[in-house]
Amino acid sequence: MKTMKSIPGKQKGFTLVELIVVLVIGAVVILFATQQINRARSSSAETQLINEVSVLRVGANNWKGTRPNYSGVACDDLVTDEYVEVPWTNCTGVNPQGGNYTVAANSSNSSDLTITATGLGETFCNRVARSLEPNTISASCSGGTLTASFRG
């Protein structure tokens, strides 16, 4: 059986420089992974908000039914009267960023519908508004409140 002999001047194991390089590479990988996870979460929350606005719009259209316009429509009524299937019991504190939803007839034309979502981060809100814009009369964000208006 052969035995290993130490060569003078050679040391076993890793040097301090090698360990630091491995730690730096590991930190960069963790930083990159964290950024990707945060982007995915943000994208998921945006998609959820867009979907919930769409569900509220369809519910308001169903509520309108044979009525001539949206006068009197309210988000809480859409939920409690089951015009929308959502896991919440009212429209307070339920959007993906913890804010409220409102649904109302457009103030300048009650045949049109306005849906708002409050309590949103400004950048998040602006991205959602841009996503909704092609399907709305207008979609805008101000002070963390998304306002989307739809044709009746």
Protein backbone atom coordinates (compact mmCIF):
# COMPACT_ATOMS: atom_id res chain seq x y z
CA MET A 1 0.00 0.00 0.00
CA LYS A 2 1.29 3.40 -0.98
CA THR A 3 1.22 6.24 1.44
CA MET A 4 0.96 9.88 0.52
CA LYS A 5 3.95 11.91 1.39
CA SER A 6 3.74 15.64 1.76
CA ILE A 7 5.81 17.57 -0.67
CA PRO A 8 7.67 20.29 1.14
CA GLY A 9 6.24 23.73 0.35
CA LYS A 10 2.86 22.35 -0.82
CA GLN A 11 -0.15 22.64 1.39
CA LYS A 12 -3.35 20.63 1.35
CA GLY A 13 -6.76 22.34 1.05
CA PHE A 14 -7.90 25.65 -0.35
CA THR A 15 -6.15 28.96 -0.10
CA LEU A 16 -7.84 32.02 1.31
CA VAL A 17 -8.01 33.58 -2.16
CA GLU A 18 -9.78 30.50 -3.57
CA LEU A 19 -12.33 30.58 -0.75
CA ILE A 20 -13.01 34.29 -1.29
CA VAL A 21 -13.50 33.74 -5.04
CA VAL A 22 -16.01 30.94 -4.37
CA LEU A 23 -17.90 33.13 -1.85
CA VAL A 24 -18.04 36.07 -4.27
CA ILE A 25 -19.37 33.85 -7.07
CA GLY A 26 -21.96 32.41 -4.68
CA ALA A 27 -23.05 35.91 -3.62
CA VAL A 28 -23.46 37.01 -7.26
CA VAL A 29 -25.58 33.91 -8.01
CA ILE A 30 -27.78 34.56 -4.95
CA LEU A 31 -28.19 38.25 -5.88
CA PHE A 32 -29.21 37.36 -9.44
CA ALA A 33 -31.67 34.70 -8.22
CA THR A 34 -33.24 37.15 -5.75
CA GLN A 35 -33.76 39.74 -8.49
CA GLN A 36 -35.41 37.15 -10.73
CA ILE A 37 -37.73 36.01 -7.92
CA ASN A 38 -38.75 39.62 -7.19
CA ARG A 39 -39.46 40.26 -10.89
CA ALA A 40 -41.58 37.11 -11.07
CA ARG A 41 -43.56 38.16 -7.97
CA SER A 42 -44.16 41.64 -9.38
CA SER A 43 -45.23 40.24 -12.73
CA SER A 44 -47.57 37.82 -10.97
CA ALA A 45 -49.15 40.63 -8.92
CA GLU A 46 -49.63 42.73 -12.08
CA THR A 47 -51.32 39.82 -13.83
CA GLN A 48 -53.53 39.23 -10.80
CA LEU A 49 -54.61 42.89 -10.70
CA ILE A 50 -55.36 42.93 -14.45
CA ASN A 51 -57.39 39.72 -14.10
CA GLU A 52 -59.33 41.07 -11.11
CA VAL A 53 -60.17 44.29 -12.99
CA SER A 54 -61.40 42.12 -15.88
CA VAL A 55 -63.53 40.02 -13.52
CA LEU A 56 -65.04 43.19 -12.01
CA ARG A 57 -65.77 44.54 -15.48
CA VAL A 58 -67.57 41.33 -16.53
CA GLY A 59 -69.47 41.31 -13.22
CA ALA A 60 -70.55 44.93 -13.75
CA ASN A 61 -71.70 44.08 -17.29
CA ASN A 62 -73.75 41.19 -15.86
CA TRP A 63 -75.15 43.49 -13.15
CA LYS A 64 -76.14 46.03 -15.79
CA GLY A 65 -78.12 43.37 -17.64
CA THR A 66 -81.20 45.15 -18.94
CA ARG A 67 -80.55 48.39 -17.08
CA PRO A 68 -79.93 51.40 -19.32
CA ASN A 69 -76.58 52.28 -17.69
CA TYR A 70 -74.22 51.64 -14.77
CA SER A 71 -75.83 54.12 -12.35
CA GLY A 72 -75.89 52.54 -8.91
CA VAL A 73 -73.30 49.82 -9.54
CA ALA A 74 -70.91 49.25 -6.62
CA CYS A 75 -68.03 46.86 -6.13
CA ASP A 76 -69.28 45.45 -2.81
CA ASP A 77 -72.70 44.75 -4.38
CA LEU A 78 -71.05 42.84 -7.23
CA VAL A 79 -69.30 40.66 -4.65
CA THR A 80 -72.18 40.12 -2.21
CA ASP A 81 -74.78 39.57 -4.97
CA GLU A 82 -72.35 37.10 -6.61
CA TYR A 83 -71.99 38.86 -9.94
CA VAL A 84 -68.28 38.09 -9.56
CA GLU A 85 -66.59 34.96 -8.29
CA VAL A 86 -63.80 36.16 -6.03
CA PRO A 87 -62.43 34.87 -2.74
CA TRP A 88 -63.23 38.12 -0.91
CA THR A 89 -66.39 39.25 0.86
CA ASN A 90 -65.99 42.96 -0.01
CA CYS A 91 -63.69 45.17 -2.07
CA THR A 92 -61.66 46.63 0.79
CA GLY A 93 -57.98 45.76 1.16
CA VAL A 94 -58.09 42.96 -1.42
CA ASN A 95 -56.07 44.02 -4.44
CA PRO A 96 -52.61 42.42 -4.83
CA GLN A 97 -50.95 45.32 -3.01
CA GLY A 98 -53.54 45.48 -0.22
CA GLY A 99 -55.58 48.42 -1.51
CA ASN A 100 -59.27 48.76 -2.36
CA TYR A 101 -61.33 48.40 -5.52
CA THR A 102 -64.22 50.61 -6.51
CA VAL A 103 -66.65 50.16 -9.38
CA ALA A 104 -68.94 53.00 -10.46
CA ALA A 105 -70.67 54.57 -13.41
CA ASN A 106 -68.36 56.98 -15.21
CA SER A 107 -69.00 60.49 -13.86
CA SER A 108 -69.30 62.05 -17.32
CA ASN A 109 -71.27 59.23 -18.98
CA SER A 110 -73.21 56.72 -16.87
CA SER A 111 -73.24 54.28 -19.80
CA ASP A 112 -69.50 53.84 -19.25
CA LEU A 113 -67.84 52.10 -16.31
CA THR A 114 -64.94 53.21 -14.12
CA ILE A 115 -62.94 50.79 -11.98
CA THR A 116 -60.29 52.03 -9.55
CA ALA A 117 -57.66 50.23 -7.51
CA THR A 118 -56.01 52.14 -4.66
CA GLY A 119 -52.88 51.61 -2.58
CA LEU A 120 -50.60 50.69 -5.47
CA GLY A 121 -46.93 51.47 -5.84
CA GLU A 122 -46.44 54.13 -8.51
CA THR A 123 -44.23 52.04 -10.84
CA PHE A 124 -46.46 48.99 -10.44
CA CYS A 125 -49.55 51.12 -11.10
CA ASN A 126 -48.09 52.67 -14.24
CA ARG A 127 -47.15 49.24 -15.67
CA VAL A 128 -50.70 47.95 -15.05
CA ALA A 129 -52.24 51.09 -16.61
CA ARG A 130 -50.12 50.60 -19.75
CA SER A 131 -51.22 46.95 -19.92
CA LEU A 132 -54.91 47.86 -19.57
CA GLU A 133 -54.82 50.84 -21.95
CA PRO A 134 -55.60 49.00 -25.23
CA ASN A 135 -58.87 47.65 -23.77
CA THR A 136 -60.13 50.84 -22.13
CA ILE A 137 -61.39 54.31 -22.92
CA SER A 138 -58.56 55.42 -20.66
CA ALA A 139 -56.29 53.94 -18.02
CA SER A 140 -54.15 56.13 -15.81
CA CYS A 141 -52.33 56.18 -12.53
CA SER A 142 -52.05 59.02 -10.06
CA GLY A 143 -50.78 58.87 -6.50
CA GLY A 144 -50.91 55.07 -6.48
CA THR A 145 -54.52 54.92 -7.68
CA LEU A 146 -55.27 53.16 -10.94
CA THR A 147 -58.34 54.46 -12.80
CA ALA A 148 -59.61 52.47 -15.78
CA SER A 149 -62.69 53.51 -17.77
CA PHE A 150 -64.54 51.12 -20.08
CA ARG A 151 -67.25 51.60 -22.70
CA GLY A 152 -70.66 50.28 -21.73
